[in-house]
Amino acid sequence: MTGLVKKVNGFVNENKKSSATAVVVFLGKETDALKAKLKKLSKDEKLDIPLTINADGTTAEKFKLNDKVNVTVLIYRNKKVTANFAFNGIKEKDIEAVLASAKETAASS
């Protein structure tokens, strides 16, 4: 997961002219331990994108996320989802597919 977050952060930094943005939302219970873990991840990896927790569960319901997977990546433009990726284990080829889709979406601006 860290690899995906780092590459998405890099993509956003490289595509600011296309107004690329990202946010990483963790679903589940908001605990001090999770907050500390996210703060450490952001600092250690020098992330510019925000890491947040959606403790009330509205994100999963609103976007009809598959609760059988560990990671979902939504790519959107103009408030419309253009791609949806769902992973239980993230491989390098999965990260490349996400980035390719993000590049395609950014290029359509």
PDB file of N, CA and C in Angstrom:
ATOM      1  N   MET A   1       0.825  -1.193   0.000  1.00  0.00           N
ATOM      2  CA  MET A   1       0.000   0.000   0.000  1.00  0.00           C
ATOM      3  C   MET A   1       0.872   1.262   0.000  1.00  0.00           C
ATOM      4  N   THR A   2       1.963   1.247   0.729  1.00  0.00           N
ATOM      5  CA  THR A   2       2.847   2.411   0.768  1.00  0.00           C
ATOM      6  C   THR A   2       3.367   2.741  -0.623  1.00  0.00           C
ATOM      7  N   GLY A   3       3.689   1.712  -1.400  1.00  0.00           N
ATOM      8  CA  GLY A   3       4.170   1.944  -2.767  1.00  0.00           C
ATOM      9  C   GLY A   3       3.143   2.668  -3.608  1.00  0.00           C
ATOM     10  N   LEU A   4       1.896   2.274  -3.498  1.00  0.00           N
ATOM     11  CA  LEU A   4       0.820   2.923  -4.243  1.00  0.00           C
ATOM     12  C   LEU A   4       0.684   4.379  -3.809  1.00  0.00           C
ATOM     13  N   VAL A   5       0.667   4.619  -2.518  1.00  0.00           N
ATOM     14  CA  VAL A   5       0.504   5.979  -2.007  1.00  0.00           C
ATOM     15  C   VAL A   5       1.665   6.866  -2.466  1.00  0.00           C
ATOM     16  N   LYS A   6       2.879   6.359  -2.412  1.00  0.00           N
ATOM     17  CA  LYS A   6       4.048   7.132  -2.839  1.00  0.00           C
ATOM     18  C   LYS A   6       3.961   7.478  -4.323  1.00  0.00           C
ATOM     19  N   LYS A   7       3.555   6.513  -5.138  1.00  0.00           N
ATOM     20  CA  LYS A   7       3.484   6.769  -6.586  1.00  0.00           C
ATOM     21  C   LYS A   7       2.343   7.722  -6.927  1.00  0.00           C
ATOM     22  N   VAL A   8       1.230   7.617  -6.227  1.00  0.00           N
ATOM     23  CA  VAL A   8       0.128   8.559  -6.444  1.00  0.00           C
ATOM     24  C   VAL A   8       0.582   9.961  -6.044  1.00  0.00           C
ATOM     25  N   ASN A   9       1.281  10.069  -4.933  1.00  0.00           N
ATOM     26  CA  ASN A   9       1.818  11.360  -4.500  1.00  0.00           C
ATOM     27  C   ASN A   9       2.740  11.938  -5.582  1.00  0.00           C
ATOM     28  N   GLY A  10       3.604  11.109  -6.138  1.00  0.00           N
ATOM     29  CA  GLY A  10       4.493  11.545  -7.208  1.00  0.00           C
ATOM     30  C   GLY A  10       3.727  11.982  -8.436  1.00  0.00           C
ATOM     31  N   PHE A  11       2.685  11.226  -8.790  1.00  0.00           N
ATOM     32  CA  PHE A  11       1.855  11.580  -9.937  1.00  0.00           C
ATOM     33  C   PHE A  11       1.231  12.959  -9.746  1.00  0.00           C
ATOM     34  N   VAL A  12       0.678  13.203  -8.574  1.00  0.00           N
ATOM     35  CA  VAL A  12       0.050  14.500  -8.299  1.00  0.00           C
ATOM     36  C   VAL A  12       1.081  15.618  -8.431  1.00  0.00           C
ATOM     37  N   ASN A  13       2.249  15.417  -7.858  1.00  0.00           N
ATOM     38  CA  ASN A  13       3.292  16.448  -7.938  1.00  0.00           C
ATOM     39  C   ASN A  13       3.741  16.704  -9.369  1.00  0.00           C
ATOM     40  N   GLU A  14       3.775  15.674 -10.195  1.00  0.00           N
ATOM     41  CA  GLU A  14       4.204  15.822 -11.589  1.00  0.00           C
ATOM     42  C   GLU A  14       3.117  16.383 -12.498  1.00  0.00           C
ATOM     43  N   ASN A  15       1.880  16.380 -12.029  1.00  0.00           N
ATOM     44  CA  ASN A  15       0.756  16.777 -12.886  1.00  0.00           C
ATOM     45  C   ASN A  15      -0.067  17.921 -12.302  1.00  0.00           C
ATOM     46  N   LYS A  16       0.599  18.826 -11.641  1.00  0.00           N
ATOM     47  CA  LYS A  16      -0.110  19.970 -11.050  1.00  0.00           C
ATOM     48  C   LYS A  16      -0.738  20.855 -12.118  1.00  0.00           C
ATOM     49  N   LYS A  17      -0.110  20.925 -13.306  1.00  0.00           N
ATOM     50  CA  LYS A  17      -0.668  21.741 -14.391  1.00  0.00           C
ATOM     51  C   LYS A  17      -2.030  21.213 -14.833  1.00  0.00           C
ATOM     52  N   SER A  18      -2.249  19.914 -14.665  1.00  0.00           N
ATOM     53  CA  SER A  18      -3.531  19.307 -15.017  1.00  0.00           C
ATOM     54  C   SER A  18      -4.504  19.336 -13.847  1.00  0.00           C
ATOM     55  N   SER A  19      -4.126  20.039 -12.786  1.00  0.00           N
ATOM     56  CA  SER A  19      -4.935  20.136 -11.562  1.00  0.00           C
ATOM     57  C   SER A  19      -5.157  18.772 -10.908  1.00  0.00           C
ATOM     58  N   ALA A  20      -4.181  17.882 -11.033  1.00  0.00           N
ATOM     59  CA  ALA A  20      -4.294  16.563 -10.411  1.00  0.00           C
ATOM     60  C   ALA A  20      -4.249  16.714  -8.893  1.00  0.00           C
ATOM     61  N   THR A  21      -5.133  16.003  -8.229  1.00  0.00           N
ATOM     62  CA  THR A  21      -5.163  15.966  -6.773  1.00  0.00           C
ATOM     63  C   THR A  21      -5.447  14.540  -6.333  1.00  0.00           C
ATOM     64  N   ALA A  22      -5.193  14.258  -5.083  1.00  0.00           N
ATOM     65  CA  ALA A  22      -5.494  12.938  -4.535  1.00  0.00           C
ATOM     66  C   ALA A  22      -5.700  13.070  -3.037  1.00  0.00           C
ATOM     67  N   VAL A  23      -6.443  12.155  -2.506  1.00  0.00           N
ATOM     68  CA  VAL A  23      -6.615  12.026  -1.064  1.00  0.00           C
ATOM     69  C   VAL A  23      -6.687  10.534  -0.769  1.00  0.00           C
ATOM     70  N   VAL A  24      -6.056  10.120   0.303  1.00  0.00           N
ATOM     71  CA  VAL A  24      -6.099   8.726   0.724  1.00  0.00           C
ATOM     72  C   VAL A  24      -7.022   8.658   1.933  1.00  0.00           C
ATOM     73  N   VAL A  25      -8.086   7.880   1.805  1.00  0.00           N
ATOM     74  CA  VAL A  25      -9.082   7.771   2.871  1.00  0.00           C
ATOM     75  C   VAL A  25      -9.037   6.358   3.433  1.00  0.00           C
ATOM     76  N   PHE A  26      -8.780   6.265   4.716  1.00  0.00           N
ATOM     77  CA  PHE A  26      -8.787   4.977   5.412  1.00  0.00           C
ATOM     78  C   PHE A  26     -10.148   4.815   6.056  1.00  0.00           C
ATOM     79  N   LEU A  27     -10.757   3.665   5.830  1.00  0.00           N
ATOM     80  CA  LEU A  27     -12.056   3.383   6.421  1.00  0.00           C
ATOM     81  C   LEU A  27     -11.846   2.581   7.698  1.00  0.00           C
ATOM     82  N   GLY A  28     -12.707   2.787   8.633  1.00  0.00           N
ATOM     83  CA  GLY A  28     -12.608   2.036   9.881  1.00  0.00           C
ATOM     84  C   GLY A  28     -12.622   2.951  11.081  1.00  0.00           C
ATOM     85  N   LYS A  29     -12.356   2.353  12.192  1.00  0.00           N
ATOM     86  CA  LYS A  29     -12.413   3.071  13.450  1.00  0.00           C
ATOM     87  C   LYS A  29     -11.244   4.044  13.583  1.00  0.00           C
ATOM     88  N   GLU A  30     -11.563   5.265  13.935  1.00  0.00           N
ATOM     89  CA  GLU A  30     -10.539   6.284  14.141  1.00  0.00           C
ATOM     90  C   GLU A  30      -9.936   6.093  15.531  1.00  0.00           C
ATOM     91  N   THR A  31      -8.708   5.626  15.544  1.00  0.00           N
ATOM     92  CA  THR A  31      -8.022   5.397  16.810  1.00  0.00           C
ATOM     93  C   THR A  31      -6.752   6.242  16.862  1.00  0.00           C
ATOM     94  N   ASP A  32      -6.256   6.427  18.059  1.00  0.00           N
ATOM     95  CA  ASP A  32      -4.998   7.163  18.205  1.00  0.00           C
ATOM     96  C   ASP A  32      -3.869   6.435  17.486  1.00  0.00           C
ATOM     97  N   ALA A  33      -3.898   5.105  17.524  1.00  0.00           N
ATOM     98  CA  ALA A  33      -2.858   4.307  16.869  1.00  0.00           C
ATOM     99  C   ALA A  33      -2.885   4.517  15.352  1.00  0.00           C
ATOM    100  N   LEU A  34      -4.082   4.523  14.754  1.00  0.00           N
ATOM    101  CA  LEU A  34      -4.188   4.735  13.312  1.00  0.00           C
ATOM    102  C   LEU A  34      -3.764   6.161  12.949  1.00  0.00           C
ATOM    103  N   LYS A  35      -4.173   7.126  13.734  1.00  0.00           N
ATOM    104  CA  LYS A  35      -3.769   8.512  13.474  1.00  0.00           C
ATOM    105  C   LYS A  35      -2.243   8.636  13.504  1.00  0.00           C
ATOM    106  N   ALA A  36      -1.630   8.009  14.494  1.00  0.00           N
ATOM    107  CA  ALA A  36      -0.166   8.058  14.618  1.00  0.00           C
ATOM    108  C   ALA A  36       0.504   7.377  13.426  1.00  0.00           C
ATOM    109  N   LYS A  37      -0.066   6.255  12.990  1.00  0.00           N
ATOM    110  CA  LYS A  37       0.488   5.519  11.844  1.00  0.00           C
ATOM    111  C   LYS A  37       0.426   6.372  10.576  1.00  0.00           C
ATOM    112  N   LEU A  38      -0.689   7.047  10.355  1.00  0.00           N
ATOM    113  CA  LEU A  38      -0.836   7.895   9.168  1.00  0.00           C
ATOM    114  C   LEU A  38       0.096   9.095   9.226  1.00  0.00           C
ATOM    115  N   LYS A  39       0.231   9.681  10.394  1.00  0.00           N
ATOM    116  CA  LYS A  39       1.135  10.816  10.564  1.00  0.00           C
ATOM    117  C   LYS A  39       2.577  10.393  10.282  1.00  0.00           C
ATOM    118  N   LYS A  40       2.960   9.220  10.776  1.00  0.00           N
ATOM    119  CA  LYS A  40       4.310   8.695  10.556  1.00  0.00           C
ATOM    120  C   LYS A  40       4.534   8.395   9.071  1.00  0.00           C
ATOM    121  N   LEU A  41       3.558   7.763   8.427  1.00  0.00           N
ATOM    122  CA  LEU A  41       3.663   7.460   7.005  1.00  0.00           C
ATOM    123  C   LEU A  41       3.846   8.740   6.195  1.00  0.00           C
ATOM    124  N   SER A  42       3.043   9.731   6.488  1.00  0.00           N
ATOM    125  CA  SER A  42       3.131  10.995   5.764  1.00  0.00           C
ATOM    126  C   SER A  42       4.497  11.644   5.946  1.00  0.00           C
ATOM    127  N   LYS A  43       4.987  11.637   7.163  1.00  0.00           N
ATOM    128  CA  LYS A  43       6.290  12.254   7.452  1.00  0.00           C
ATOM    129  C   LYS A  43       7.433  11.447   6.841  1.00  0.00           C
ATOM    130  N   ASP A  44       7.435  10.123   7.070  1.00  0.00           N
ATOM    131  CA  ASP A  44       8.520   9.264   6.585  1.00  0.00           C
ATOM    132  C   ASP A  44       8.641   9.286   5.071  1.00  0.00           C
ATOM    133  N   GLU A  45       7.510   9.315   4.382  1.00  0.00           N
ATOM    134  CA  GLU A  45       7.506   9.266   2.916  1.00  0.00           C
ATOM    135  C   GLU A  45       7.430  10.648   2.279  1.00  0.00           C
ATOM    136  N   LYS A  46       7.412  11.689   3.118  1.00  0.00           N
ATOM    137  CA  LYS A  46       7.363  13.076   2.643  1.00  0.00           C
ATOM    138  C   LYS A  46       6.201  13.297   1.670  1.00  0.00           C
ATOM    139  N   LEU A  47       5.013  12.867   2.102  1.00  0.00           N
ATOM    140  CA  LEU A  47       3.826  12.949   1.260  1.00  0.00           C
ATOM    141  C   LEU A  47       3.232  14.349   1.277  1.00  0.00           C
ATOM    142  N   ASP A  48       2.763  14.766   0.125  1.00  0.00           N
ATOM    143  CA  ASP A  48       2.066  16.042   0.000  1.00  0.00           C
ATOM    144  C   ASP A  48       0.551  15.838  -0.027  1.00  0.00           C
ATOM    145  N   ILE A  49       0.116  14.651  -0.395  1.00  0.00           N
ATOM    146  CA  ILE A  49      -1.318  14.383  -0.453  1.00  0.00           C
ATOM    147  C   ILE A  49      -1.830  14.074   0.951  1.00  0.00           C
ATOM    148  N   PRO A  50      -3.077  14.449   1.233  1.00  0.00           N
ATOM    149  CA  PRO A  50      -3.597  14.205   2.572  1.00  0.00           C
ATOM    150  C   PRO A  50      -3.969  12.732   2.804  1.00  0.00           C
ATOM    151  N   LEU A  51      -3.739  12.292   4.026  1.00  0.00           N
ATOM    152  CA  LEU A  51      -4.164  10.981   4.494  1.00  0.00           C
ATOM    153  C   LEU A  51      -5.222  11.253   5.555  1.00  0.00           C
ATOM    154  N   THR A  52      -6.370  10.642   5.413  1.00  0.00           N
ATOM    155  CA  THR A  52      -7.459  10.921   6.337  1.00  0.00           C
ATOM    156  C   THR A  52      -8.199   9.639   6.696  1.00  0.00           C
ATOM    157  N   ILE A  53      -9.050   9.737   7.692  1.00  0.00           N
ATOM    158  CA  ILE A  53      -9.833   8.588   8.164  1.00  0.00           C
ATOM    159  C   ILE A  53     -11.302   8.940   8.037  1.00  0.00           C
ATOM    160  N   ASN A  54     -12.070   8.042   7.441  1.00  0.00           N
ATOM    161  CA  ASN A  54     -13.515   8.223   7.327  1.00  0.00           C
ATOM    162  C   ASN A  54     -14.172   7.274   8.319  1.00  0.00           C
ATOM    163  N   ALA A  55     -14.174   7.658   9.551  1.00  0.00           N
ATOM    164  CA  ALA A  55     -14.632   6.785  10.629  1.00  0.00           C
ATOM    165  C   ALA A  55     -16.135   6.521  10.610  1.00  0.00           C
ATOM    166  N   ASP A  56     -16.928   7.423  10.019  1.00  0.00           N
ATOM    167  CA  ASP A  56     -18.374   7.218  10.063  1.00  0.00           C
ATOM    168  C   ASP A  56     -18.890   6.293   8.966  1.00  0.00           C
ATOM    169  N   GLY A  57     -18.011   5.890   8.043  1.00  0.00           N
ATOM    170  CA  GLY A  57     -18.395   4.902   7.028  1.00  0.00           C
ATOM    171  C   GLY A  57     -19.176   5.441   5.858  1.00  0.00           C
ATOM    172  N   THR A  58     -19.369   6.735   5.762  1.00  0.00           N
ATOM    173  CA  THR A  58     -20.186   7.275   4.675  1.00  0.00           C
ATOM    174  C   THR A  58     -19.520   7.138   3.311  1.00  0.00           C
ATOM    175  N   THR A  59     -18.193   7.139   3.271  1.00  0.00           N
ATOM    176  CA  THR A  59     -17.498   7.022   1.985  1.00  0.00           C
ATOM    177  C   THR A  59     -17.807   5.685   1.325  1.00  0.00           C
ATOM    178  N   ALA A  60     -17.724   4.612   2.084  1.00  0.00           N
ATOM    179  CA  ALA A  60     -17.984   3.279   1.531  1.00  0.00           C
ATOM    180  C   ALA A  60     -19.405   3.176   0.989  1.00  0.00           C
ATOM    181  N   GLU A  61     -20.342   3.692   1.715  1.00  0.00           N
ATOM    182  CA  GLU A  61     -21.740   3.636   1.274  1.00  0.00           C
ATOM    183  C   GLU A  61     -21.980   4.552   0.077  1.00  0.00           C
ATOM    184  N   LYS A  62     -21.456   5.767   0.161  1.00  0.00           N
ATOM    185  CA  LYS A  62     -21.683   6.757  -0.902  1.00  0.00           C
ATOM    186  C   LYS A  62     -21.156   6.273  -2.245  1.00  0.00           C
ATOM    187  N   PHE A  63     -19.974   5.660  -2.238  1.00  0.00           N
ATOM    188  CA  PHE A  63     -19.359   5.218  -3.484  1.00  0.00           C
ATOM    189  C   PHE A  63     -19.593   3.739  -3.772  1.00  0.00           C
ATOM    190  N   LYS A  64     -20.407   3.090  -2.947  1.00  0.00           N
ATOM    191  CA  LYS A  64     -20.748   1.672  -3.127  1.00  0.00           C
ATOM    192  C   LYS A  64     -19.487   0.821  -3.287  1.00  0.00           C
ATOM    193  N   LEU A  65     -18.558   0.990  -2.339  1.00  0.00           N
ATOM    194  CA  LEU A  65     -17.298   0.265  -2.386  1.00  0.00           C
ATOM    195  C   LEU A  65     -17.495  -1.195  -2.017  1.00  0.00           C
ATOM    196  N   ASN A  66     -16.713  -2.040  -2.631  1.00  0.00           N
ATOM    197  CA  ASN A  66     -16.741  -3.471  -2.371  1.00  0.00           C
ATOM    198  C   ASN A  66     -16.097  -3.736  -1.012  1.00  0.00           C
ATOM    199  N   ASP A  67     -16.862  -4.223  -0.070  1.00  0.00           N
ATOM    200  CA  ASP A  67     -16.325  -4.450   1.273  1.00  0.00           C
ATOM    201  C   ASP A  67     -15.519  -5.747   1.379  1.00  0.00           C
ATOM    202  N   LYS A  68     -15.370  -6.458   0.284  1.00  0.00           N
ATOM    203  CA  LYS A  68     -14.598  -7.698   0.276  1.00  0.00           C
ATOM    204  C   LYS A  68     -13.138  -7.485  -0.143  1.00  0.00           C
ATOM    205  N   VAL A  69     -12.775  -6.244  -0.448  1.00  0.00           N
ATOM    206  CA  VAL A  69     -11.395  -5.931  -0.833  1.00  0.00           C
ATOM    207  C   VAL A  69     -10.780  -4.987   0.189  1.00  0.00           C
ATOM    208  N   ASN A  70      -9.446  -4.987   0.239  1.00  0.00           N
ATOM    209  CA  ASN A  70      -8.730  -4.153   1.202  1.00  0.00           C
ATOM    210  C   ASN A  70      -8.459  -2.744   0.694  1.00  0.00           C
ATOM    211  N   VAL A  71      -8.300  -2.600  -0.625  1.00  0.00           N
ATOM    212  CA  VAL A  71      -7.938  -1.303  -1.196  1.00  0.00           C
ATOM    213  C   VAL A  71      -8.814  -1.027  -2.414  1.00  0.00           C
ATOM    214  N   THR A  72      -9.389   0.171  -2.442  1.00  0.00           N
ATOM    215  CA  THR A  72     -10.131   0.628  -3.608  1.00  0.00           C
ATOM    216  C   THR A  72      -9.535   1.957  -4.048  1.00  0.00           C
ATOM    217  N   VAL A  73      -9.314   2.091  -5.337  1.00  0.00           N
ATOM    218  CA  VAL A  73      -8.812   3.343  -5.908  1.00  0.00           C
ATOM    219  C   VAL A  73      -9.876   3.852  -6.869  1.00  0.00           C
ATOM    220  N   LEU A  74     -10.330   5.064  -6.617  1.00  0.00           N
ATOM    221  CA  LEU A  74     -11.286   5.709  -7.507  1.00  0.00           C
ATOM    222  C   LEU A  74     -10.582   6.862  -8.202  1.00  0.00           C
ATOM    223  N   ILE A  75     -10.733   6.924  -9.502  1.00  0.00           N
ATOM    224  CA  ILE A  75     -10.204   8.038 -10.285  1.00  0.00           C
ATOM    225  C   ILE A  75     -11.413   8.793 -10.808  1.00  0.00           C
ATOM    226  N   TYR A  76     -11.392  10.094 -10.602  1.00  0.00           N
ATOM    227  CA  TYR A  76     -12.556  10.859 -11.032  1.00  0.00           C
ATOM    228  C   TYR A  76     -12.152  12.184 -11.651  1.00  0.00           C
ATOM    229  N   ARG A  77     -13.067  12.694 -12.433  1.00  0.00           N
ATOM    230  CA  ARG A  77     -12.891  13.995 -13.080  1.00  0.00           C
ATOM    231  C   ARG A  77     -14.251  14.674 -13.089  1.00  0.00           C
ATOM    232  N   ASN A  78     -14.261  15.925 -12.717  1.00  0.00           N
ATOM    233  CA  ASN A  78     -15.513  16.691 -12.687  1.00  0.00           C
ATOM    234  C   ASN A  78     -16.610  15.973 -11.895  1.00  0.00           C
ATOM    235  N   LYS A  79     -16.228  15.452 -10.746  1.00  0.00           N
ATOM    236  CA  LYS A  79     -17.149  14.797  -9.807  1.00  0.00           C
ATOM    237  C   LYS A  79     -17.782  13.518 -10.366  1.00  0.00           C
ATOM    238  N   LYS A  80     -17.134  12.904 -11.365  1.00  0.00           N
ATOM    239  CA  LYS A  80     -17.635  11.661 -11.933  1.00  0.00           C
ATOM    240  C   LYS A  80     -16.510  10.634 -11.920  1.00  0.00           C
ATOM    241  N   VAL A  81     -16.784   9.456 -11.381  1.00  0.00           N
ATOM    242  CA  VAL A  81     -15.780   8.393 -11.335  1.00  0.00           C
ATOM    243  C   VAL A  81     -15.535   7.895 -12.751  1.00  0.00           C
ATOM    244  N   THR A  82     -14.251   7.917 -13.152  1.00  0.00           N
ATOM    245  CA  THR A  82     -13.883   7.459 -14.493  1.00  0.00           C
ATOM    246  C   THR A  82     -13.236   6.075 -14.468  1.00  0.00           C
ATOM    247  N   ALA A  83     -12.761   5.657 -13.299  1.00  0.00           N
ATOM    248  CA  ALA A  83     -12.164   4.322 -13.162  1.00  0.00           C
ATOM    249  C   ALA A  83     -12.253   3.885 -11.702  1.00  0.00           C
ATOM    250  N   ASN A  84     -12.396   2.576 -11.518  1.00  0.00           N
ATOM    251  CA  ASN A  84     -12.527   2.003 -10.186  1.00  0.00           C
ATOM    252  C   ASN A  84     -11.663   0.746 -10.140  1.00  0.00           C
ATOM    253  N   PHE A  85     -10.706   0.723  -9.241  1.00  0.00           N
ATOM    254  CA  PHE A  85      -9.822  -0.427  -9.072  1.00  0.00           C
ATOM    255  C   PHE A  85     -10.028  -0.987  -7.668  1.00  0.00           C
ATOM    256  N   ALA A  86     -10.074  -2.307  -7.548  1.00  0.00           N
ATOM    257  CA  ALA A  86     -10.242  -2.958  -6.245  1.00  0.00           C
ATOM    258  C   ALA A  86      -9.179  -4.037  -6.096  1.00  0.00           C
ATOM    259  N   PHE A  87      -8.460  -3.998  -4.976  1.00  0.00           N
ATOM    260  CA  PHE A  87      -7.350  -4.922  -4.748  1.00  0.00           C
ATOM    261  C   PHE A  87      -7.389  -5.522  -3.345  1.00  0.00           C
ATOM    262  N   ASN A  88      -6.977  -6.780  -3.248  1.00  0.00           N
ATOM    263  CA  ASN A  88      -6.702  -7.374  -1.943  1.00  0.00           C
ATOM    264  C   ASN A  88      -5.209  -7.411  -1.687  1.00  0.00           C
ATOM    265  N   GLY A  89      -4.433  -7.434  -2.733  1.00  0.00           N
ATOM    266  CA  GLY A  89      -2.984  -7.356  -2.652  1.00  0.00           C
ATOM    267  C   GLY A  89      -2.533  -6.514  -3.821  1.00  0.00           C
ATOM    268  N   ILE A  90      -1.707  -5.533  -3.572  1.00  0.00           N
ATOM    269  CA  ILE A  90      -1.309  -4.611  -4.631  1.00  0.00           C
ATOM    270  C   ILE A  90       0.045  -5.022  -5.180  1.00  0.00           C
ATOM    271  N   LYS A  91       0.060  -5.281  -6.478  1.00  0.00           N
ATOM    272  CA  LYS A  91       1.298  -5.626  -7.185  1.00  0.00           C
ATOM    273  C   LYS A  91       1.735  -4.427  -8.018  1.00  0.00           C
ATOM    274  N   GLU A  92       2.972  -4.445  -8.456  1.00  0.00           N
ATOM    275  CA  GLU A  92       3.500  -3.339  -9.257  1.00  0.00           C
ATOM    276  C   GLU A  92       2.646  -3.104 -10.508  1.00  0.00           C
ATOM    277  N   LYS A  93       2.169  -4.180 -11.147  1.00  0.00           N
ATOM    278  CA  LYS A  93       1.348  -4.016 -12.355  1.00  0.00           C
ATOM    279  C   LYS A  93       0.026  -3.321 -12.029  1.00  0.00           C
ATOM    280  N   ASP A  94      -0.483  -3.527 -10.809  1.00  0.00           N
ATOM    281  CA  ASP A  94      -1.710  -2.848 -10.389  1.00  0.00           C
ATOM    282  C   ASP A  94      -1.469  -1.352 -10.238  1.00  0.00           C
ATOM    283  N   ILE A  95      -0.342  -1.002  -9.635  1.00  0.00           N
ATOM    284  CA  ILE A  95       0.014   0.410  -9.471  1.00  0.00           C
ATOM    285  C   ILE A  95       0.166   1.065 -10.832  1.00  0.00           C
ATOM    286  N   GLU A  96       0.818   0.374 -11.768  1.00  0.00           N
ATOM    287  CA  GLU A  96       0.997   0.923 -13.115  1.00  0.00           C
ATOM    288  C   GLU A  96      -0.343   1.122 -13.813  1.00  0.00           C
ATOM    289  N   ALA A  97      -1.302   0.211 -13.608  1.00  0.00           N
ATOM    290  CA  ALA A  97      -2.634   0.361 -14.209  1.00  0.00           C
ATOM    291  C   ALA A  97      -3.355   1.579 -13.642  1.00  0.00           C
ATOM    292  N   VAL A  98      -3.238   1.776 -12.337  1.00  0.00           N
ATOM    293  CA  VAL A  98      -3.854   2.942 -11.700  1.00  0.00           C
ATOM    294  C   VAL A  98      -3.239   4.220 -12.261  1.00  0.00           C
ATOM    295  N   LEU A  99      -1.922   4.272 -12.334  1.00  0.00           N
ATOM    296  CA  LEU A  99      -1.246   5.468 -12.836  1.00  0.00           C
ATOM    297  C   LEU A  99      -1.563   5.732 -14.304  1.00  0.00           C
ATOM    298  N   ALA A 100      -1.657   4.679 -15.103  1.00  0.00           N
ATOM    299  CA  ALA A 100      -2.003   4.846 -16.525  1.00  0.00           C
ATOM    300  C   ALA A 100      -3.400   5.449 -16.660  1.00  0.00           C
ATOM    301  N   SER A 101      -4.328   4.975 -15.846  1.00  0.00           N
ATOM    302  CA  SER A 101      -5.676   5.510 -15.886  1.00  0.00           C
ATOM    303  C   SER A 101      -5.706   6.966 -15.418  1.00  0.00           C
ATOM    304  N   ALA A 102      -4.927   7.261 -14.380  1.00  0.00           N
ATOM    305  CA  ALA A 102      -4.856   8.639 -13.887  1.00  0.00           C
ATOM    306  C   ALA A 102      -4.261   9.561 -14.945  1.00  0.00           C
ATOM    307  N   LYS A 103      -3.217   9.093 -15.637  1.00  0.00           N
ATOM    308  CA  LYS A 103      -2.592   9.895 -16.698  1.00  0.00           C
ATOM    309  C   LYS A 103      -3.573  10.155 -17.823  1.00  0.00           C
ATOM    310  N   GLU A 104      -4.329   9.136 -18.192  1.00  0.00           N
ATOM    311  CA  GLU A 104      -5.322   9.291 -19.247  1.00  0.00           C
ATOM    312  C   GLU A 104      -6.386  10.307 -18.848  1.00  0.00           C
ATOM    313  N   THR A 105      -6.833  10.231 -17.606  1.00  0.00           N
ATOM    314  CA  THR A 105      -7.837  11.176 -17.112  1.00  0.00           C
ATOM    315  C   THR A 105      -7.275  12.595 -17.074  1.00  0.00           C
ATOM    316  N   ALA A 106      -6.038  12.740 -16.609  1.00  0.00           N
ATOM    317  CA  ALA A 106      -5.408  14.059 -16.540  1.00  0.00           C
ATOM    318  C   ALA A 106      -5.200  14.638 -17.943  1.00  0.00           C
ATOM    319  N   ALA A 107      -4.886  13.789 -18.904  1.00  0.00           N
ATOM    320  CA  ALA A 107      -4.644  14.253 -20.271  1.00  0.00           C
ATOM    321  C   ALA A 107      -5.923  14.722 -20.951  1.00  0.00           C
ATOM    322  N   SER A 108      -7.064  14.295 -20.465  1.00  0.00           N
ATOM    323  CA  SER A 108      -8.332  14.669 -21.085  1.00  0.00           C
ATOM    324  C   SER A 108      -8.823  16.041 -20.629  1.00  0.00           C
ATOM    325  N   SER A 109      -7.960  16.766 -19.923  1.00  0.00           N
ATOM    326  CA  SER A 109      -8.394  18.093 -19.432  1.00  0.00           C
ATOM    327  C   SER A 109      -8.319  19.136 -20.506  1.00  0.00           C
TER     328      SER A 109
END
